[in-house]
Protein backbone atom coordinates (compact mmCIF):
# COMPACT_ATOMS: atom_id res chain seq x y z
CA UNK A 1 236.52 211.40 103.96
CA UNK A 2 238.27 208.63 104.98
CA UNK A 3 239.97 206.18 102.12
CA UNK A 4 238.57 203.11 101.61
CA UNK A 5 240.25 200.39 103.64
CA UNK A 6 241.42 203.06 106.13
CA UNK A 7 238.32 202.81 108.06
CA UNK A 8 239.34 199.08 109.05
CA UNK A 9 241.51 200.19 111.91
CA UNK A 10 238.62 201.19 113.82
CA UNK A 11 237.47 197.48 114.02
CA UNK A 12 237.35 195.69 117.10
CA UNK A 13 237.04 192.12 116.74
CA UNK A 14 240.03 190.23 115.81
CA UNK A 15 241.11 189.78 111.98
CA UNK A 16 243.27 187.53 110.11
CA UNK A 17 246.32 188.71 108.20
CA UNK A 18 248.31 186.42 105.36
CA UNK A 19 252.06 186.96 105.62
CA UNK A 20 254.64 187.03 103.33
CA UNK A 21 258.00 188.41 102.76
CA UNK A 22 259.04 191.23 100.18
CA UNK A 23 262.54 190.88 100.31
CA UNK A 24 263.63 190.90 103.88
CA UNK A 25 260.52 193.01 105.07
CA UNK A 26 257.64 190.95 106.57
CA UNK A 27 254.28 192.48 104.89
CA UNK A 28 250.68 191.25 105.23
CA UNK A 29 247.33 191.72 103.65
CA UNK A 30 243.83 191.08 105.29
CA UNK A 31 242.49 187.31 104.44
CA UNK A 32 239.51 188.77 103.02
CA UNK A 33 241.47 190.51 100.57
CA UNK A 34 243.13 187.00 99.26
CA UNK A 35 241.43 185.01 96.60
CA UNK A 36 244.35 182.47 95.92
CA UNK A 37 247.66 181.76 96.20
CA UNK A 38 249.50 180.35 93.11
CA UNK A 39 253.34 179.14 92.50
CA UNK A 40 252.42 179.32 88.24
CA UNK A 41 254.89 181.64 87.29
CA UNK A 42 254.31 181.65 83.58
CA UNK A 43 252.68 184.95 82.45
CA UNK A 44 252.90 186.62 78.93
CA UNK A 45 254.68 190.18 79.12
CA UNK A 46 252.87 193.12 78.03
CA UNK A 47 254.66 195.86 75.97
CA UNK A 48 254.94 199.36 77.36
CA UNK A 49 253.18 198.54 80.66
CA UNK A 50 255.09 200.41 83.63
CA UNK A 51 258.06 198.67 85.08
CA UNK A 52 255.94 196.92 87.91
CA UNK A 53 254.10 195.49 85.57
CA UNK A 54 255.47 191.96 84.98
CA UNK A 55 252.51 190.82 82.62
CA UNK A 56 249.52 188.66 82.24
CA UNK A 57 248.46 185.37 82.92
CA UNK A 58 244.90 183.48 82.15
CA UNK A 59 244.05 182.02 85.67
CA UNK A 60 240.78 179.02 84.62
CA UNK A 61 239.34 181.97 82.04
CA UNK A 62 239.97 184.92 83.95
CA UNK A 63 243.10 187.55 83.11
CA UNK A 64 244.92 188.27 86.12
CA UNK A 65 247.26 191.25 85.78
CA UNK A 66 251.23 189.90 87.31
CA UNK A 67 252.77 193.20 89.38
CA UNK A 68 255.91 192.92 91.41
CA UNK A 69 254.86 193.92 94.66
CA UNK A 70 258.43 194.53 95.56
CA UNK A 71 259.07 196.94 92.63
CA UNK A 72 255.78 198.73 92.97
CA UNK A 73 256.41 199.41 96.68
CA UNK A 74 259.77 200.95 95.82
CA UNK A 75 262.44 198.01 96.37
CA UNK A 76 264.26 196.16 93.63
CA UNK A 77 262.80 193.80 91.32
CA UNK A 78 262.21 190.24 93.15
CA UNK A 79 264.17 187.71 92.18
CA UNK A 80 262.22 184.43 91.33
CA UNK A 81 263.05 181.14 93.19
CA UNK A 82 261.68 178.00 94.44
CA UNK A 83 259.40 180.31 97.24
CA UNK A 84 257.94 182.99 94.75
CA UNK A 85 254.28 182.99 94.70
CA UNK A 86 251.83 184.97 93.29
CA UNK A 87 248.97 186.66 95.69
CA UNK A 88 245.83 186.74 93.87
CA UNK A 89 243.46 189.78 95.01
CA UNK A 90 240.14 191.32 93.39
CA UNK A 91 240.19 194.97 93.25
CA UNK A 92 237.68 196.95 90.97
CA UNK A 93 236.47 194.07 89.48
CA UNK A 94 239.72 193.21 88.37
CA UNK A 95 241.99 190.46 89.25
CA UNK A 96 245.46 190.91 90.21
CA UNK A 97 248.27 188.76 91.03
CA UNK A 98 250.78 190.75 93.73
CA UNK A 99 254.47 188.76 93.21
CA UNK A 100 255.75 188.44 96.30
CA UNK A 101 259.41 186.75 97.71
CA UNK A 102 258.11 184.03 100.11
CA UNK A 103 254.44 183.32 101.56
CA UNK A 104 254.62 181.93 105.58
CA UNK A 105 251.63 182.18 107.33
CA UNK A 106 248.15 183.37 108.65
CA UNK A 107 248.12 185.44 111.98
CA UNK A 108 245.64 185.86 113.86
CA UNK A 109 245.50 189.68 115.40
CA UNK A 110 243.68 192.24 117.28
CA UNK A 111 243.05 195.81 115.91
CA UNK A 112 244.29 197.23 119.10
CA UNK A 113 247.62 195.59 118.41
CA UNK A 114 248.37 197.84 115.48
CA UNK A 115 250.03 200.84 115.53
CA UNK A 116 249.76 203.45 113.02
CA UNK A 117 251.97 203.16 109.67
CA UNK A 118 255.49 204.49 109.56
CA UNK A 119 255.99 207.21 107.47
CA UNK A 120 259.12 205.33 105.85
CA UNK A 121 260.36 202.02 105.47
CA UNK A 122 263.32 201.52 103.42
CA UNK A 123 262.30 204.10 101.07
CA UNK A 124 258.60 202.99 101.36
CA UNK A 125 255.59 205.66 101.22
CA UNK A 126 253.35 204.90 104.61
CA UNK A 127 250.23 205.55 102.82
CA UNK A 128 250.71 201.77 101.60
CA UNK A 129 249.96 200.56 104.72
CA UNK A 130 246.59 200.31 107.45
CA UNK A 131 249.20 199.98 110.02
CA UNK A 132 251.86 197.79 111.77
CA UNK A 133 251.03 194.56 113.85
CA UNK A 134 252.75 193.77 116.71
CA UNK A 135 252.67 190.39 118.02
CA UNK A 136 255.31 188.60 120.22
CA UNK A 137 256.84 187.08 117.93
CA UNK A 138 256.52 188.97 114.91
CA UNK A 139 256.41 192.65 113.49
CA UNK A 140 254.03 192.52 110.63
CA UNK A 141 253.25 195.46 107.72
CA UNK A 142 249.86 195.86 107.07
CA UNK A 143 249.72 196.83 103.15
CA UNK A 144 246.59 198.58 102.33
CA UNK A 145 246.10 197.00 98.82
CA UNK A 146 243.54 199.09 97.65
CA UNK A 147 246.33 202.06 98.01
CA UNK A 148 248.76 200.27 96.64
CA UNK A 149 246.52 198.94 93.35
CA UNK A 150 245.46 202.53 92.94
CA UNK A 151 248.92 204.66 92.82
CA UNK A 152 251.10 205.11 90.04
């Protein structure tokens, strides 16, 4: 049985990737996963949480858990800058905020230009990726957000 999210590679129709940087790595997620992009960086620290959990925030009455996506994927902690953003996604009926270094743009992609995920990118586990999209000007690692959020 295939994991949820991995089946998406069988699609024939074009899709949109919301692109962002984690350190020097350009990553992206299917835009349908994105609830919103927020630059509010005020959150409350949660004691005894895993090191990649930065805290929680109240977003219009909903509690959002904020994770440092860079740390979760095996990089060092993200630095807070003017470009830092929180990408809000919904997973298992819970809102999660993914702290990223910089949001760039949205890319229209074709599944036939998505190659298999690498087994290792700077120490990252290939299981976190749906694949790598190659356009004429960009190479975007497409994250499998459900896999990232379900792993410890």
